[in-house]
Protein backbone atom coordinates (compact mmCIF):
# COMPACT_ATOMS: atom_id res chain seq x y z
CA MET A 1 -36.76 60.10 -37.23
CA LYS A 2 -34.71 56.87 -37.30
CA LEU A 3 -34.56 54.38 -39.86
CA SER A 4 -34.28 50.55 -38.74
CA LYS A 5 -31.10 49.07 -40.45
CA ILE A 6 -32.68 46.89 -43.21
CA THR A 7 -31.78 45.86 -46.79
CA ARG A 8 -33.16 46.23 -50.07
CA TYR A 9 -35.48 43.85 -51.73
CA THR A 10 -33.53 41.86 -53.79
CA LEU A 11 -35.60 38.87 -54.73
CA ALA A 12 -32.57 37.44 -56.15
CA ALA A 13 -30.07 40.14 -56.25
CA SER A 14 -27.57 37.41 -56.10
CA LEU A 15 -29.54 35.67 -58.95
CA GLY A 16 -27.15 36.89 -61.84
CA LEU A 17 -24.61 35.00 -60.01
CA GLY A 18 -26.95 32.03 -59.79
CA VAL A 19 -27.45 31.88 -56.07
CA LEU A 20 -30.56 30.82 -55.26
CA SER A 21 -30.31 29.09 -51.90
CA SER A 22 -33.07 30.16 -49.73
CA CYS A 23 -35.83 32.17 -51.90
CA SER A 24 -38.34 32.07 -48.92
CA ASP A 25 -35.62 33.99 -46.86
CA LEU A 26 -35.34 36.24 -49.87
CA LEU A 27 -38.65 37.25 -50.28
CA ASP A 28 -39.03 38.26 -46.63
CA THR A 29 -36.22 40.67 -46.56
CA PRO A 30 -37.69 44.06 -46.11
CA LEU A 31 -36.91 47.31 -48.29
CA GLU A 32 -34.00 49.60 -48.03
CA ASN A 33 -34.72 52.89 -46.75
CA VAL A 34 -38.55 52.14 -45.99
CA VAL A 35 -39.31 53.26 -42.61
CA ILE A 36 -40.12 50.59 -39.92
CA ALA A 37 -42.55 51.67 -36.94
CA ASP A 38 -39.89 50.51 -34.21
CA GLU A 39 -38.55 54.07 -33.52
CA THR A 40 -40.55 56.24 -35.67
CA ASP A 41 -42.55 59.06 -33.74
CA TYR A 42 -45.67 59.62 -36.11
CA THR A 43 -46.62 62.57 -34.40
CA GLN A 44 -43.65 64.60 -35.77
CA SER A 45 -45.61 65.32 -38.76
CA GLN A 46 -43.01 67.19 -40.41
CA ASN A 47 -40.92 64.26 -41.02
CA MET A 48 -43.91 62.98 -43.35
CA VAL A 49 -42.38 64.72 -46.54
CA LEU A 50 -39.03 62.58 -45.89
CA LEU A 51 -40.87 59.83 -47.14
CA LEU A 52 -42.18 61.99 -50.28
CA ASN A 53 -38.73 62.69 -51.25
CA GLY A 54 -37.66 59.66 -51.02
CA SER A 55 -40.19 58.08 -53.29
CA TYR A 56 -39.06 60.73 -55.80
CA ALA A 57 -35.51 59.58 -55.50
CA GLU A 58 -36.43 56.30 -56.01
CA PHE A 59 -38.04 57.23 -59.12
CA ASN A 60 -35.00 59.10 -60.23
CA SER A 61 -32.84 56.42 -59.67
CA LEU A 62 -34.28 53.94 -62.43
CA GLN A 63 -31.58 51.91 -63.49
CA TRP A 64 -30.20 52.38 -66.77
CA GLU A 65 -31.06 49.14 -68.19
CA THR A 66 -34.69 49.39 -67.40
CA PHE A 67 -35.60 52.01 -70.04
CA PRO A 68 -33.69 49.99 -73.07
CA LEU A 69 -35.94 47.03 -72.43
CA ILE A 70 -38.94 49.06 -72.51
CA SER A 71 -38.14 50.68 -75.54
CA VAL A 72 -35.98 48.24 -77.64
CA ARG A 73 -38.59 46.51 -79.99
CA GLY A 74 -40.25 49.24 -81.96
CA ASP A 75 -39.37 49.69 -85.77
CA ASP A 76 -37.59 53.12 -84.84
CA VAL A 77 -34.45 51.72 -83.09
CA ASP A 78 -32.18 48.88 -83.24
CA ALA A 79 -30.19 47.84 -80.37
CA GLY A 80 -26.22 47.57 -80.59
CA GLY A 81 -23.52 46.67 -78.38
CA ASP A 82 -21.99 43.53 -76.87
CA GLN A 83 -25.42 42.68 -75.01
CA GLU A 84 -26.44 40.20 -77.37
CA PRO A 85 -29.43 39.15 -76.02
CA LEU A 86 -30.70 42.52 -75.96
CA THR A 87 -29.88 42.75 -79.76
CA LYS A 88 -32.06 39.28 -80.11
CA THR A 89 -34.78 41.03 -77.87
CA ASP A 90 -34.99 43.54 -80.89
CA LEU A 91 -35.47 40.89 -83.21
CA TYR A 92 -38.23 39.13 -81.00
CA GLU A 93 -35.74 36.46 -79.92
CA TYR A 94 -36.00 36.08 -76.29
CA ASP A 95 -33.92 34.60 -73.65
CA ARG A 96 -35.69 34.11 -70.19
CA ASN A 97 -32.25 33.62 -68.87
CA PHE A 98 -30.92 37.15 -69.91
CA TRP A 99 -29.74 39.03 -66.90
CA MET A 100 -31.51 42.38 -68.41
CA TYR A 101 -34.66 40.65 -68.10
CA ASN A 102 -34.65 39.96 -64.52
CA SER A 103 -32.90 43.30 -63.84
CA THR A 104 -35.66 45.13 -65.31
CA TRP A 105 -38.39 42.82 -63.12
CA LEU A 106 -36.51 43.51 -59.72
CA ASN A 107 -35.72 47.24 -60.54
CA LEU A 108 -39.61 47.95 -61.08
CA TYR A 109 -40.88 45.94 -58.40
CA SER A 110 -38.64 47.03 -55.76
CA ASP A 111 -40.06 50.44 -56.79
CA ILE A 112 -43.39 49.35 -56.33
CA LEU A 113 -42.96 47.66 -53.29
CA TYR A 114 -40.71 50.65 -51.73
CA TRP A 115 -43.79 52.97 -52.49
CA HIS A 116 -46.09 50.91 -50.90
CA GLY A 117 -43.88 51.14 -47.84
CA ALA A 118 -43.96 55.24 -48.14
CA MET A 119 -47.81 54.93 -48.52
CA GLU A 120 -48.15 52.70 -45.41
CA GLU A 121 -45.95 54.79 -43.25
CA ILE A 122 -47.50 58.06 -44.60
CA GLN A 123 -50.87 56.72 -43.38
CA LYS A 124 -49.76 56.35 -40.05
CA TYR A 125 -48.87 60.07 -39.84
CA GLN A 126 -51.97 60.66 -41.21
CA ASP A 127 -53.42 58.12 -38.13
CA ALA A 128 -51.43 60.01 -35.67
CA GLY A 129 -52.74 63.41 -36.63
CA ALA A 130 -51.04 64.87 -39.40
CA SER A 131 -52.81 67.37 -42.11
CA ALA A 132 -55.19 64.56 -43.74
CA ALA A 133 -55.23 67.01 -46.72
CA LEU A 134 -51.38 67.07 -47.36
CA SER A 135 -50.98 63.18 -46.65
CA SER A 136 -53.48 62.40 -48.84
CA GLN A 137 -51.75 64.27 -51.55
CA TYR A 138 -48.26 62.58 -50.82
CA ILE A 139 -49.87 59.14 -50.91
CA ALA A 140 -51.50 60.06 -54.55
CA GLU A 141 -48.10 61.40 -55.83
CA VAL A 142 -46.76 58.07 -54.99
CA LYS A 143 -49.79 56.43 -56.12
CA VAL A 144 -48.86 57.91 -59.58
CA LEU A 145 -45.25 56.97 -59.63
CA ARG A 146 -46.32 53.31 -58.62
CA SER A 147 -48.75 53.27 -61.59
CA PHE A 148 -46.57 54.32 -63.96
CA GLU A 149 -44.41 51.70 -63.15
CA LEU A 150 -46.90 49.23 -63.04
CA LEU A 151 -47.87 49.93 -66.58
CA GLN A 152 -44.15 49.75 -67.81
CA LEU A 153 -44.21 45.87 -66.05
CA ALA A 154 -47.27 44.90 -67.79
CA ARG A 155 -46.02 46.31 -71.41
CA LEU A 156 -43.44 44.23 -71.04
CA TRP A 157 -45.05 40.69 -69.25
CA GLY A 158 -48.67 40.82 -69.73
CA SER A 159 -50.24 39.46 -66.99
CA ILE A 160 -48.41 40.32 -63.70
CA LEU A 161 -48.36 40.55 -59.91
CA ILE A 162 -50.06 43.52 -58.24
CA PRO A 163 -48.62 44.15 -55.01
CA ARG A 164 -50.86 44.84 -52.41
CA THR A 165 -48.56 45.91 -49.61
CA SER A 166 -44.65 46.74 -48.86
CA GLN A 167 -43.92 42.97 -48.01
CA PRO A 168 -42.34 41.10 -50.73
CA SER A 169 -43.77 37.62 -49.03
CA ASP A 170 -47.49 38.92 -49.79
CA LEU A 171 -46.20 38.18 -53.77
CA TYR A 172 -46.75 34.39 -52.99
CA ASN A 173 -50.37 35.23 -52.20
CA VAL A 174 -51.05 37.25 -55.10
CA ASP A 175 -53.01 36.12 -58.12
CA LEU A 176 -51.49 36.87 -61.96
CA SER A 177 -53.74 39.74 -63.18
CA THR A 178 -54.21 39.82 -66.82
CA PHE A 179 -52.84 43.03 -69.01
CA ALA A 180 -56.43 44.33 -69.26
CA GLU A 181 -57.09 43.75 -65.51
CA VAL A 182 -53.71 45.86 -64.86
CA MET A 183 -54.62 48.65 -66.81
CA ASP A 184 -58.52 48.83 -65.27
CA HIS A 185 -56.23 48.81 -61.95
CA ILE A 186 -54.02 51.67 -62.65
CA SER A 187 -57.22 53.71 -64.09
CA ALA A 188 -58.98 53.19 -60.79
CA GLN A 189 -55.92 54.25 -59.00
CA MET A 190 -55.83 57.50 -60.89
CA ASP A 191 -59.31 58.16 -60.07
CA GLU A 192 -58.51 57.88 -56.56
CA ALA A 193 -55.27 59.95 -56.62
CA ILE A 194 -56.70 62.92 -58.94
CA PRO A 195 -58.91 64.73 -55.99
CA ASN A 196 -56.02 64.89 -53.80
CA LEU A 197 -53.49 66.46 -56.39
CA PRO A 198 -52.46 70.15 -57.27
CA SER A 199 -54.02 71.28 -60.32
CA VAL A 200 -51.06 72.83 -61.60
CA ARG A 201 -48.14 72.27 -64.01
CA PRO A 202 -45.55 70.08 -62.48
CA ASN A 203 -42.73 72.88 -62.87
CA GLN A 204 -45.35 75.46 -61.00
CA ARG A 205 -44.70 73.42 -57.95
CA THR A 206 -42.77 74.98 -55.58
CA ASP A 207 -42.78 72.22 -52.74
CA VAL A 208 -41.36 69.59 -54.98
CA PRO A 209 -40.70 71.27 -58.72
CA GLY A 210 -41.33 68.60 -61.31
CA GLY A 211 -43.53 66.72 -58.77
CA VAL A 212 -46.53 64.92 -59.68
CA THR A 213 -49.74 66.62 -60.08
CA ARG A 214 -53.32 66.18 -61.13
CA TYR A 215 -52.76 66.41 -64.79
CA THR A 216 -49.75 63.59 -64.38
CA ALA A 217 -52.56 61.12 -62.97
CA LEU A 218 -54.76 62.25 -65.84
CA ALA A 219 -52.19 61.11 -68.25
CA VAL A 220 -51.38 57.87 -66.64
CA LYS A 221 -54.98 57.24 -66.49
CA ALA A 222 -55.02 58.14 -70.46
CA MET A 223 -52.28 55.80 -71.02
CA ALA A 224 -53.62 52.79 -69.43
CA ASN A 225 -57.25 53.22 -70.77
CA LEU A 226 -55.95 53.92 -74.40
CA GLU A 227 -54.08 50.21 -73.80
CA ASN A 228 -57.40 48.73 -73.09
CA LYS A 229 -59.09 50.70 -75.86
CA ASN A 230 -61.37 52.28 -73.28
CA PHE A 231 -61.37 55.40 -76.01
CA GLN A 232 -64.01 57.86 -74.22
CA GLN A 233 -62.01 57.71 -71.06
CA VAL A 234 -58.77 58.53 -72.95
CA ALA A 235 -60.52 61.48 -74.71
CA ASP A 236 -62.18 62.45 -71.41
CA ALA A 237 -58.92 62.12 -69.73
CA THR A 238 -56.65 64.15 -72.30
CA GLY A 239 -59.64 66.51 -73.11
CA GLU A 240 -59.30 67.98 -69.30
CA ILE A 241 -55.66 68.41 -69.37
CA ILE A 242 -56.04 70.11 -72.82
CA SER A 243 -59.41 72.20 -71.63
CA ASP A 244 -57.59 73.51 -68.34
CA GLY A 245 -55.28 75.25 -70.76
CA GLN A 246 -51.84 75.09 -68.58
CA PHE A 247 -49.60 73.31 -71.00
CA ILE A 248 -47.93 74.37 -74.05
CA LEU A 249 -45.29 72.79 -76.47
CA GLU A 250 -41.66 73.84 -76.18
CA PRO A 251 -41.49 76.03 -79.24
CA ASP A 252 -37.92 74.60 -79.86
CA TYR A 253 -37.89 70.95 -80.42
CA TYR A 254 -34.48 70.32 -80.54
CA GLU A 255 -33.80 72.18 -77.20
CA LEU A 256 -36.51 70.37 -75.39
CA PHE A 257 -34.27 67.31 -74.73
CA LYS A 258 -31.67 69.12 -73.79
CA ILE A 259 -30.75 71.82 -70.68
CA PRO A 260 -32.90 74.45 -71.89
CA GLY A 261 -35.97 71.72 -71.67
CA LYS A 262 -35.58 70.54 -67.93
CA LEU A 263 -38.75 71.08 -66.02
CA ASN A 264 -40.47 72.54 -69.24
CA SER A 265 -43.93 73.37 -69.76
CA GLU A 266 -44.54 70.82 -71.80
CA ASN A 267 -43.30 68.19 -69.46
CA LEU A 268 -45.83 66.05 -67.25
CA LEU A 269 -43.08 63.99 -65.85
CA GLU A 270 -39.39 63.58 -66.00
CA LEU A 271 -36.72 61.87 -64.46
CA GLN A 272 -34.71 64.83 -63.00
CA TYR A 273 -30.76 64.84 -62.24
CA SER A 274 -28.50 67.76 -61.15
CA ASP A 275 -24.94 68.57 -61.09
CA TYR A 276 -25.89 71.27 -58.70
CA GLY A 277 -24.48 73.56 -61.24
CA ASN A 278 -20.81 73.01 -59.38
CA PRO A 279 -17.56 72.01 -61.63
CA SER A 280 -16.99 69.23 -59.45
CA GLY A 281 -18.40 66.97 -56.45
CA THR A 282 -21.48 65.07 -56.05
CA SER A 283 -23.44 64.54 -59.34
CA ASN A 284 -27.15 63.13 -59.35
CA ARG A 285 -26.98 61.64 -62.98
CA TYR A 286 -28.26 59.15 -65.09
CA LEU A 287 -26.06 56.47 -66.70
CA TRP A 288 -26.18 58.32 -70.33
CA ASP A 289 -22.85 56.47 -71.55
CA PHE A 290 -25.30 53.79 -72.89
CA PHE A 291 -26.62 56.06 -75.41
CA GLY A 292 -23.44 57.90 -76.26
CA PRO A 293 -21.00 58.02 -79.27
CA SER A 294 -17.95 55.63 -78.92
CA ASN A 295 -16.01 58.14 -81.42
CA TRP A 296 -16.73 61.75 -81.48
CA THR A 297 -15.14 65.27 -81.73
CA PRO A 298 -16.87 67.26 -79.00
CA ALA A 299 -16.97 71.17 -79.61
CA VAL A 300 -15.51 71.30 -75.70
CA THR A 301 -12.34 69.28 -75.43
CA GLY A 302 -12.49 66.47 -73.15
CA ALA A 303 -16.14 65.90 -72.94
CA GLY A 304 -16.80 62.24 -72.57
CA GLY A 305 -18.42 59.77 -74.85
CA GLY A 306 -20.55 56.47 -74.24
CA TRP A 307 -21.03 52.88 -75.60
CA GLY A 308 -22.94 53.80 -78.76
CA PHE A 309 -25.55 51.06 -77.63
CA TRP A 310 -29.01 52.80 -78.98
CA GLU A 311 -29.21 53.40 -82.75
CA PRO A 312 -32.22 54.68 -84.49
CA SER A 313 -33.09 52.61 -87.28
CA LEU A 314 -32.66 53.14 -91.03
CA LYS A 315 -36.38 52.66 -91.41
CA TYR A 316 -37.10 55.48 -89.36
CA VAL A 317 -34.72 57.62 -90.62
CA LYS A 318 -35.81 57.16 -94.14
CA PHE A 319 -39.52 57.73 -92.88
CA MET A 320 -38.79 61.05 -91.72
CA LEU A 321 -36.43 61.82 -94.92
CA GLU A 322 -39.66 61.11 -96.96
CA ARG A 323 -41.95 63.47 -94.98
CA ASN A 324 -38.79 65.98 -95.25
CA GLU A 325 -39.00 66.36 -91.05
CA MET A 326 -35.54 68.36 -90.48
CA GLU A 327 -36.20 69.41 -87.15
CA ARG A 328 -37.71 66.08 -85.73
CA LEU A 329 -35.21 64.22 -87.58
CA THR A 330 -32.02 65.92 -86.60
CA THR A 331 -33.27 66.17 -83.10
CA THR A 332 -34.08 62.38 -82.89
CA VAL A 333 -31.22 61.11 -84.87
CA LEU A 334 -27.21 61.83 -84.89
CA PHE A 335 -25.61 60.82 -88.59
CA THR A 336 -22.00 59.71 -88.83
CA PRO A 337 -20.60 59.97 -92.33
CA SER A 338 -21.15 56.31 -93.03
CA GLY A 339 -24.50 56.57 -91.52
CA ILE A 340 -25.13 59.27 -94.44
CA ASN A 341 -23.43 56.98 -97.08
CA GLU A 342 -25.74 53.81 -96.03
CA ILE A 343 -28.74 56.28 -96.60
CA LYS A 344 -27.44 57.49 -100.08
CA THR A 345 -27.18 53.65 -101.28
CA ASP A 346 -30.97 53.66 -101.61
CA PRO A 347 -31.53 55.50 -105.29
CA ALA A 348 -34.69 57.04 -103.56
CA PHE A 349 -32.38 59.13 -101.21
CA ALA A 350 -29.05 59.47 -103.23
CA SER A 351 -29.53 63.29 -102.85
CA LEU A 352 -30.23 64.61 -99.30
CA PRO A 353 -30.85 67.72 -97.90
CA ALA A 354 -27.54 69.72 -96.56
CA TRP A 355 -28.81 69.71 -93.43
CA VAL A 356 -28.02 65.94 -93.07
CA SER A 357 -24.65 66.33 -91.41
CA ASN A 358 -22.48 64.42 -89.15
CA ILE A 359 -22.00 67.71 -87.43
CA SER A 360 -24.49 68.81 -84.51
CA PRO A 361 -26.22 72.28 -84.26
CA ASP A 362 -23.79 72.86 -81.44
CA GLY A 363 -20.59 71.97 -83.37
CA ASP A 364 -20.05 68.35 -81.87
CA VAL A 365 -19.19 65.98 -84.66
CA PHE A 366 -20.05 62.24 -84.84
CA ASN A 367 -17.41 60.21 -86.59
CA ASP A 368 -17.48 56.73 -87.76
CA HIS A 369 -17.70 53.56 -85.47
CA PRO A 370 -17.96 49.81 -86.40
CA ARG A 371 -20.73 49.40 -83.76
CA TYR A 372 -23.20 52.03 -85.26
CA ASN A 373 -24.11 54.21 -88.13
CA PHE A 374 -26.57 56.64 -86.31
CA LEU A 375 -27.04 57.83 -82.53
CA SER A 376 -29.56 58.73 -80.58
CA GLY A 377 -30.26 62.49 -80.53
CA LYS A 378 -32.77 62.54 -77.70
CA GLN A 379 -30.36 61.27 -75.04
CA TYR A 380 -27.63 63.83 -76.37
CA LEU A 381 -26.41 66.77 -74.45
CA PRO A 382 -24.29 68.99 -76.57
CA SER A 383 -20.93 69.41 -74.79
CA ASN A 384 -21.21 73.03 -74.95
CA GLN A 385 -24.34 72.56 -72.35
CA LEU A 386 -22.25 70.73 -69.88
CA THR A 387 -21.34 72.37 -66.84
CA GLU A 388 -17.85 74.12 -66.93
CA GLY A 389 -15.72 71.45 -65.52
CA ARG A 390 -17.49 68.63 -65.86
CA PHE A 391 -16.98 66.21 -68.65
CA SER A 392 -19.33 62.99 -68.36
CA TYR A 393 -21.58 62.49 -71.34
CA GLY A 394 -24.97 63.97 -70.70
CA GLU A 395 -24.16 65.04 -67.26
CA ASN A 396 -26.96 67.22 -65.76
CA LYS A 397 -29.71 66.51 -68.36
CA ASN A 398 -33.19 65.38 -67.43
CA PHE A 399 -34.88 61.94 -68.74
CA THR A 400 -38.16 62.89 -70.43
CA VAL A 401 -41.15 60.88 -69.67
CA ILE A 402 -44.48 62.15 -70.52
CA ARG A 403 -44.64 65.21 -72.56
CA TYR A 404 -48.15 67.41 -73.89
CA ALA A 405 -47.61 66.32 -77.33
CA GLU A 406 -48.38 62.67 -76.38
CA ILE A 407 -51.70 63.86 -74.51
CA LEU A 408 -52.89 66.00 -77.77
CA LEU A 409 -52.05 62.71 -79.95
CA MET A 410 -53.80 60.25 -77.48
CA HIS A 411 -56.67 62.63 -77.60
CA ALA A 412 -56.60 62.49 -81.42
CA GLU A 413 -56.14 58.64 -81.18
CA ALA A 414 -59.01 58.48 -79.19
CA LEU A 415 -61.35 60.55 -81.37
CA VAL A 416 -60.45 58.89 -84.62
CA ASN A 417 -61.75 55.50 -82.73
CA GLY A 418 -65.12 56.98 -81.96
CA ALA A 419 -64.80 59.12 -78.65
CA THR A 420 -66.45 62.47 -78.44
CA SER A 421 -64.37 65.49 -77.08
CA THR A 422 -65.33 69.33 -76.57
CA ALA A 423 -61.72 70.08 -75.96
CA MET A 424 -60.20 69.78 -79.54
CA SER A 425 -60.75 67.88 -82.48
CA ALA A 426 -58.49 65.24 -84.01
CA ASP A 427 -57.24 67.55 -86.83
CA ALA A 428 -56.45 70.25 -84.24
CA ALA A 429 -54.55 68.11 -82.23
CA VAL A 430 -52.54 66.93 -84.66
CA ASN A 431 -52.28 69.94 -86.28
CA THR A 432 -50.87 71.55 -82.88
CA VAL A 433 -47.87 68.83 -83.03
CA ARG A 434 -47.08 69.44 -86.59
CA ASN A 435 -47.09 72.91 -86.37
CA ARG A 436 -44.54 73.34 -83.89
CA VAL A 437 -42.28 71.89 -86.11
CA GLY A 438 -43.08 73.72 -89.21
CA LEU A 439 -45.67 70.87 -90.95
CA SER A 440 -48.52 71.85 -92.91
CA PRO A 441 -51.81 71.29 -91.52
CA LEU A 442 -53.86 68.07 -92.13
CA SER A 443 -57.70 67.67 -92.51
CA GLY A 444 -59.84 64.25 -92.09
CA VAL A 445 -56.94 62.83 -89.87
CA GLY A 446 -57.70 58.89 -89.65
CA LEU A 447 -55.84 56.35 -87.25
CA GLU A 448 -52.72 56.08 -90.00
CA GLN A 449 -52.12 59.63 -89.95
CA VAL A 450 -51.93 59.55 -86.07
CA LEU A 451 -49.91 56.73 -85.62
CA ASP A 452 -47.76 57.92 -88.20
CA GLU A 453 -47.59 61.38 -86.49
CA LYS A 454 -46.56 59.66 -82.81
CA TYR A 455 -44.15 57.59 -85.04
CA ALA A 456 -42.69 61.14 -86.09
CA GLU A 457 -42.93 62.62 -82.63
CA PHE A 458 -41.90 60.12 -80.30
CA GLY A 459 -39.06 57.89 -82.00
CA MET A 460 -36.54 56.72 -79.31
CA GLU A 461 -39.46 57.34 -76.76
CA TRP A 462 -40.56 55.03 -74.20
CA GLY A 463 -41.07 52.28 -76.80
CA ILE A 464 -44.40 54.33 -77.81
CA ARG A 465 -43.97 53.41 -81.53
CA PHE A 466 -43.96 49.28 -80.42
CA TYR A 467 -46.89 49.48 -78.08
CA ASP A 468 -49.03 51.74 -80.71
CA LEU A 469 -48.71 49.21 -83.42
CA VAL A 470 -49.38 45.82 -81.15
CA ARG A 471 -52.45 47.74 -79.97
CA TYR A 472 -53.75 47.47 -83.01
CA ASP A 473 -52.59 44.30 -84.48
CA GLN A 474 -50.90 46.50 -87.44
CA THR A 475 -47.60 44.99 -86.50
CA ALA A 476 -46.26 44.89 -90.20
CA PRO A 477 -44.06 47.49 -89.84
CA LEU A 478 -42.20 45.69 -87.20
CA ASN A 479 -41.28 42.90 -89.57
CA TYR A 480 -38.45 45.04 -91.18
CA GLU A 481 -34.56 44.08 -91.87
CA GLY A 482 -35.23 40.08 -91.73
CA ARG A 483 -37.26 40.47 -88.33
CA ASN A 484 -40.35 38.47 -88.16
CA TYR A 485 -42.75 39.35 -85.47
CA GLN A 486 -45.61 37.37 -84.40
CA ALA A 487 -48.89 38.02 -81.95
CA SER A 488 -47.00 35.59 -79.69
CA ASP A 489 -43.92 38.03 -79.43
CA ARG A 490 -46.10 40.69 -77.97
CA TYR A 491 -44.95 40.23 -74.26
CA LEU A 492 -41.65 39.07 -73.04
CA PRO A 493 -41.22 35.27 -71.15
CA TYR A 494 -41.05 35.78 -67.24
CA PRO A 495 -37.32 36.22 -66.04
CA LEU A 496 -36.30 32.13 -65.19
CA ALA A 497 -35.31 33.32 -61.75
CA GLN A 498 -38.49 34.69 -60.86
CA MET A 499 -39.98 31.67 -62.00
CA ASP A 500 -37.84 29.60 -59.62
CA ILE A 501 -38.98 32.23 -56.86
CA LEU A 502 -43.02 32.80 -57.62
CA PRO A 503 -45.15 29.40 -58.75
CA GLN A 504 -47.63 32.02 -60.23
CA LEU A 505 -45.39 32.81 -63.02
CA SER A 506 -44.78 29.37 -64.01
CA ALA A 507 -48.42 28.42 -64.09
CA GLY A 508 -48.85 31.93 -65.96
CA SER A 509 -45.88 31.05 -68.41
CA ALA A 510 -47.76 29.83 -71.32
CA GLN A 511 -49.30 33.07 -72.11
């Protein structure tokens, strides 16, 4: 199957350089690697899978700056490093000129437009006689990836444009959809996808190990309906996952986020990377350097470090210490000597448990650095888990996206908000998560207990804490260390570069 020679949708790849000479031409630029019909023989149905493989490759190539922007505003994380506008974003001081806003917008929209192109091409194979069941499954898988990233776009910017085709120029003709409308659209898309997807865990798939399944689609549906407070739909979707009994919590919370956690039976979706088990050569890896230590003594001599730009908040550390949360805290937070001393300056924490240490269970030592006192443990790969001969920080580690623990706690959240379920009670759902890390069971849980459990469980993961608090307008916890969150701070301003291109954004910028 031949691919036409085309370039990637940029809308303004050169926007960061200030080049805005021909907006119309940029919008008319097609997508890199999307198959154009000119020379494609759609009767060769065996080639249809290449579109699916390309769609997963697009998902796994999520650019490094996207996750920090999605996740930076909760009280679990403090942005560090030399990207001052990211630090300001963490303080709810937004700059629509910041390159990361525009880049993240482009990253997500280019993925979504790519996936529209893939779905359009798969449909052509079906029209030419390819298996309707298989092509419908492939389209459903791509719909789930598309919907997950639409969810992230709306969480960041509120009202957004929902693409209808693979053509960037069609965005001129699309009205802004409100946040609630985007969530309804995602839910409807998942209803279309679910019947066509396999009813297995992602790690049980042999054709695309770790690929999307019916349960992934149910999870994304639950996430969208949770944002719209359609609690019964959340309970129904999560209850279906729970009742089918396919997923289990990984007993070892620490290893869940490391090499043993790759394609784990807890994971419903993850970004997949590999060094192919070879000591050298090609490596498909995320840029873990953003999260890594700038000063450490790894157990494996020569193991590389990183930039130290992603720091757990002292507020989160103290919250976990108050709960005597050893396993989740030592997994989520890496301590430096200065960080330990900072904790002790608070009389309430003058005496710390012996397990609060700057040495990880795998023997890596985290030394002081002027940029941070703590580091993110969920983005940490022990140096002794690197493939022998590989030294890049985090190489071969997957990036967890949706876990069964989130299904359980979304289920509990729906029930304490009035939904009903025969799958599991709110107490049982919360206590299943607590039991994994050795905490005593609770009874009569309410929303506060559920949100606290999510805070403990999902620290440093996908901005879950921030989106939980703003959903219920319980934003007082966001006002720490001089921060002053206002309701108007929920969404970022549209990137200035995109406002120059898409007139709908200027009209809707008063949000």
